[in-house]
Every structure is written in structure tokens, then in C-alpha cells.
Amino acid sequence: MKNRAQTKKLVGMASLIAIIVVLQLLSNYISFGSVSITLALIPIVVGAIVYGPTAGFILGLFMGAMAIVAPSTLAVFMPHNPLATIVLCLLKSGLAGLVAGLAFKLIKKHNFTAAIIAASVLAPLVNTGIFLLGAALFFKDVYGAENFLSAFTLIGGMILVNFLIEFAVNALLSPAVTQLVRILARSYDLGFKLDIDLYDDIEIEENNELTE
């Protein structure tokens, strides 16, 4: 029985990894003007919620691995500092998944919806924040900055629109993620268990408030 659950979990994780790979590849060609965005954080958040923080970290590593081989990374960052590039790409998205999973785990017993929203908005915050710190620390020469502070300010301004779009997308899709997790937990045996009774109680209370 345990092996069967593990197999189903592996299948679920593999499916999410495939989605991450596809979305990361598409991000190389999807842009708003000069700003490119990625939707790969969404399956990372879903995986962190249904399988836990460790799974979120692993899924984030796959996103980071795809970022390493992205054309812009290979052209700009890798020639300058290969080790820092690899560590930064893996760390930023890996920790984004880990933090999303931890946030959901800590908040879910109190408020399921708030836990979903926290996980969804913290992922882009951590992902962008670590990139900004790492880029200002190791790649300030690439941006023509003289020191960490000037690099931090310059890079922050350059990626602000990118971050705001990713943040808004993840925040706006939180309700969809909420329903997706509920449907998966109720309808499919993918190797994870959620406290559905708690979430049903929340829905009942919300419906009662609407009818009063």
C-alpha cells in the first residue's frame, strides 16, 4: 500500500516537472515588450501544497535547471561566473518552492484560502528577491555598476515590471489554485492527503454567512 502511494506521488511529481519544463521553455518566447515572464512558479506552488515543502524545493530545482540553459543565461551570466550562475538559478527557485510549502503548512490549519494565497505570493517574492541579491553581489560588472548598492538599485529597477507581472499572475491565480487543489484532493489518488474535512467546514461556514 505504501509503495502504491509512493508510485502515485512519483507520477504526480513527474507530471508537474513536465509542466515546469514546458512553461520554462515557453518563457523564452513569451514577453510583454522587453519583459519576459514565466508561469512555472504555479506548478511549483501546487506541488509544494499537495506534496509538501521538500517537493516544492525539488520542483524549484528543476525550474532552476531550465533557467541555467536558457539562452539569456548562457549568453550573459554563464560566461561571467559559471558557478555563481548555477548556484543562483537553482537556489532562487528551489527556495521559492520550499518557502511556499512551509507557508502553506503553517497556515492551512487556520485558514485554507489564506494558506494558498500566502504560498502563491511568497514564491515570486522569494524567487525574485534571491535573484536580485545574487545578481547585485556576483554580476554587478555585467550591469556596469560600481558596487552592491548601485547594482541592487539598477537591477531592481530593470526587473521591477517583470516581478510585478509574475506577482500579479500568481496572486490572481490563487483562487484557481485553491479549486485545483481541492479537486485533486477529492477526486484523484495522486499519493497525497489533505484535510478535506477542514476545508469543507470552511466552505460550509462561508455559505452560511452568504445565506444569513
Protein backbone atom coordinates (compact mmCIF):
# COMPACT_ATOMS: atom_id res chain seq x y z
CA MET A 1 0.00 0.00 0.00
CA LYS A 2 2.84 2.34 0.90
CA ASN A 3 4.67 1.50 -2.34
CA ARG A 4 1.48 2.19 -4.30
CA ALA A 5 1.15 5.63 -2.68
CA GLN A 6 4.80 6.38 -3.39
CA THR A 7 4.35 5.39 -7.02
CA LYS A 8 1.34 7.69 -7.36
CA LYS A 9 3.30 10.51 -5.75
CA LEU A 10 6.15 9.99 -8.20
CA VAL A 11 3.68 10.09 -11.09
CA GLY A 12 2.20 13.32 -9.78
CA MET A 13 5.65 14.87 -9.31
CA ALA A 14 6.72 13.77 -12.78
CA SER A 15 3.63 15.40 -14.27
CA LEU A 16 4.39 18.68 -12.51
CA ILE A 17 8.03 18.53 -13.63
CA ALA A 18 6.90 18.08 -17.24
CA ILE A 19 4.65 21.13 -16.92
CA ILE A 20 7.51 23.16 -15.43
CA VAL A 21 9.83 22.21 -18.29
CA VAL A 22 7.25 23.20 -20.90
CA LEU A 23 6.43 26.51 -19.21
CA GLN A 24 10.10 27.39 -18.82
CA LEU A 25 10.73 26.67 -22.48
CA LEU A 26 7.76 28.84 -23.44
CA SER A 27 9.02 31.67 -21.22
CA ASN A 28 11.94 32.10 -23.63
CA TYR A 29 9.46 33.19 -26.28
CA ILE A 30 6.67 34.86 -24.26
CA SER A 31 7.19 38.52 -23.41
CA PHE A 32 5.41 41.81 -22.85
CA GLY A 33 7.57 44.18 -24.82
CA SER A 34 11.08 43.61 -23.49
CA VAL A 35 9.83 41.87 -20.35
CA SER A 36 9.67 38.07 -20.32
CA ILE A 37 7.69 36.20 -17.68
CA THR A 38 7.38 32.61 -16.56
CA LEU A 39 4.37 30.73 -15.27
CA ALA A 40 6.48 27.84 -13.98
CA LEU A 41 6.07 29.01 -10.39
CA ILE A 42 2.41 27.95 -10.48
CA PRO A 43 3.03 24.17 -10.74
CA ILE A 44 5.80 24.59 -8.16
CA VAL A 45 3.30 26.14 -5.74
CA VAL A 46 0.77 23.38 -6.46
CA GLY A 47 3.41 20.72 -5.84
CA ALA A 48 4.57 22.42 -2.64
CA ILE A 49 0.99 22.46 -1.39
CA VAL A 50 -0.02 18.90 -2.21
CA TYR A 51 3.30 17.13 -1.60
CA GLY A 52 4.99 19.37 0.96
CA PRO A 53 7.96 21.79 1.24
CA THR A 54 10.58 19.23 0.17
CA ALA A 55 8.66 18.51 -3.03
CA GLY A 56 8.38 22.26 -3.62
CA PHE A 57 12.15 22.56 -3.29
CA ILE A 58 12.76 19.69 -5.74
CA LEU A 59 10.33 21.14 -8.28
CA GLY A 60 12.04 24.50 -7.89
CA LEU A 61 15.39 22.88 -8.66
CA PHE A 62 14.01 21.68 -11.98
CA MET A 63 12.87 25.20 -12.80
CA GLY A 64 16.33 26.43 -11.87
CA ALA A 65 17.98 23.82 -14.08
CA MET A 66 15.88 25.02 -17.01
CA ALA A 67 16.85 28.61 -16.24
CA ILE A 68 20.54 27.65 -16.41
CA VAL A 69 20.22 26.51 -20.02
CA ALA A 70 18.04 29.44 -21.09
CA PRO A 71 19.58 31.43 -23.99
CA SER A 72 19.84 34.66 -21.96
CA THR A 73 21.58 32.87 -19.08
CA LEU A 74 24.07 31.13 -21.35
CA ALA A 75 24.81 34.35 -23.22
CA VAL A 76 25.07 36.84 -20.34
CA PHE A 77 25.65 35.21 -16.95
CA MET A 78 27.37 31.89 -17.59
CA PRO A 79 30.48 33.34 -19.32
CA HIS A 80 30.94 35.83 -16.48
CA ASN A 81 30.69 33.47 -13.49
CA PRO A 82 29.54 29.88 -14.20
CA LEU A 83 29.49 28.68 -10.57
CA ALA A 84 27.54 31.67 -9.28
CA THR A 85 25.12 31.35 -12.20
CA ILE A 86 24.36 27.69 -11.45
CA VAL A 87 24.01 28.22 -7.70
CA LEU A 88 21.84 31.30 -8.10
CA CYS A 89 19.49 29.70 -10.66
CA LEU A 90 18.98 26.60 -8.53
CA LEU A 91 18.77 28.42 -5.20
CA LYS A 92 16.24 31.09 -6.11
CA SER A 93 13.56 28.77 -7.47
CA GLY A 94 14.37 25.92 -5.06
CA LEU A 95 13.87 28.16 -2.03
CA ALA A 96 10.76 29.67 -3.64
CA GLY A 97 9.18 26.20 -3.68
CA LEU A 98 10.40 25.41 -0.18
CA VAL A 99 9.05 28.64 1.32
CA ALA A 100 5.72 28.20 -0.48
CA GLY A 101 5.35 24.72 1.01
CA LEU A 102 6.32 25.86 4.50
CA ALA A 103 3.90 28.80 4.37
CA PHE A 104 1.02 26.57 3.34
CA LYS A 105 1.90 24.00 6.00
CA LEU A 106 1.96 26.62 8.77
CA ILE A 107 -1.21 28.47 7.79
CA LYS A 108 -3.52 25.74 6.40
CA LYS A 109 -4.92 24.68 9.80
CA HIS A 110 -6.11 28.20 10.46
CA ASN A 111 -7.31 29.28 7.03
CA PHE A 112 -7.03 27.23 3.86
CA THR A 113 -7.58 30.13 1.46
CA ALA A 114 -5.06 32.32 3.26
CA ALA A 115 -2.54 29.47 3.12
CA ILE A 116 -2.98 29.16 -0.67
CA ILE A 117 -2.61 32.92 -1.16
CA ALA A 118 0.48 33.07 1.08
CA ALA A 119 2.14 30.24 -0.83
CA SER A 120 1.24 31.79 -4.18
CA VAL A 121 2.58 35.28 -3.41
CA LEU A 122 5.66 34.23 -1.44
CA ALA A 123 7.01 32.10 -4.30
CA PRO A 124 7.62 35.04 -6.70
CA LEU A 125 8.83 37.22 -3.82
CA VAL A 126 11.50 34.70 -2.82
CA ASN A 127 12.40 33.85 -6.41
CA THR A 128 12.90 37.48 -7.45
CA GLY A 129 14.42 38.58 -4.14
CA ILE A 130 17.19 35.98 -4.21
CA PHE A 131 17.91 36.69 -7.87
CA LEU A 132 18.19 40.40 -7.12
CA LEU A 133 20.58 39.85 -4.21
CA GLY A 134 22.68 37.32 -6.13
CA ALA A 135 22.86 39.41 -9.30
CA ALA A 136 23.89 42.53 -7.36
CA LEU A 137 26.51 40.56 -5.46
CA PHE A 138 28.09 38.48 -8.24
CA PHE A 139 27.14 40.18 -11.51
CA LYS A 140 27.37 43.92 -10.85
CA ASP A 141 30.07 44.20 -13.54
CA VAL A 142 27.64 42.80 -16.11
CA TYR A 143 25.31 45.70 -15.39
CA GLY A 144 28.10 48.27 -15.26
CA ALA A 145 27.55 49.03 -11.57
CA GLU A 146 30.38 50.07 -9.25
CA ASN A 147 29.17 48.49 -6.01
CA PHE A 148 26.49 46.28 -4.48
CA LEU A 149 24.09 49.11 -3.63
CA SER A 150 24.20 50.71 -7.06
CA ALA A 151 23.84 47.28 -8.69
CA PHE A 152 20.91 46.41 -6.41
CA THR A 153 19.12 49.64 -7.34
CA LEU A 154 19.87 49.32 -11.05
CA ILE A 155 18.87 45.66 -11.37
CA GLY A 156 15.83 46.18 -9.15
CA GLY A 157 14.57 48.88 -11.50
CA MET A 158 15.21 46.71 -14.54
CA ILE A 159 13.31 43.68 -13.25
CA LEU A 160 10.53 45.57 -11.45
CA VAL A 161 7.98 45.20 -14.26
CA ASN A 162 8.89 41.52 -14.64
CA PHE A 163 8.38 40.94 -10.93
CA LEU A 164 5.09 42.85 -10.75
CA ILE A 165 3.65 40.82 -13.63
CA GLU A 166 4.71 37.49 -12.11
CA PHE A 167 3.46 38.57 -8.67
CA ALA A 168 0.09 39.67 -10.08
CA VAL A 169 -0.31 36.47 -12.12
CA ASN A 170 0.39 34.26 -9.10
CA ALA A 171 -1.86 36.32 -6.82
CA LEU A 172 -4.74 36.43 -9.31
CA LEU A 173 -4.50 32.70 -9.96
CA SER A 174 -4.62 31.85 -6.25
CA PRO A 175 -8.38 31.14 -6.34
CA ALA A 176 -7.85 28.84 -9.33
CA VAL A 177 -5.01 27.08 -7.50
CA THR A 178 -7.30 26.72 -4.48
CA GLN A 179 -10.00 25.00 -6.50
CA LEU A 180 -7.46 22.85 -8.35
CA VAL A 181 -6.00 21.56 -5.08
CA ARG A 182 -9.48 20.81 -3.71
CA ILE A 183 -10.48 18.95 -6.88
CA LEU A 184 -7.25 16.95 -6.93
CA ALA A 185 -7.59 16.06 -3.25
CA ARG A 186 -11.22 14.97 -3.57
CA SER A 187 -11.23 13.27 -6.94
CA TYR A 188 -7.81 11.75 -7.57
CA ASP A 189 -5.46 9.49 -5.69
CA LEU A 190 -2.11 11.02 -6.61
CA GLY A 191 -0.25 9.99 -3.48
CA PHE A 192 -1.13 12.89 -1.21
CA LYS A 193 -3.59 13.52 1.59
CA LEU A 194 -5.18 16.83 2.58
CA ASP A 195 -7.52 17.62 5.45
CA ILE A 196 -10.56 17.96 3.22
CA ASP A 197 -12.98 17.93 6.15
CA LEU A 198 -11.41 21.15 7.41
CA TYR A 199 -11.77 22.79 4.01
CA ASP A 200 -15.36 21.58 3.66
CA ASP A 201 -16.14 23.12 7.05
CA ILE A 202 -14.72 26.41 5.84
CA GLU A 203 -16.88 26.26 2.71
CA ILE A 204 -19.99 25.47 4.81
CA GLU A 205 -19.31 28.43 7.10
CA GLU A 206 -18.82 30.73 4.11
CA ASN A 207 -22.08 29.51 2.52
CA ASN A 208 -23.96 30.00 5.79
CA GLU A 209 -22.71 33.57 6.01
CA LEU A 210 -23.92 34.25 2.49
CA THR A 211 -27.42 32.92 3.21
CA GLU A 212 -27.87 34.77 6.51
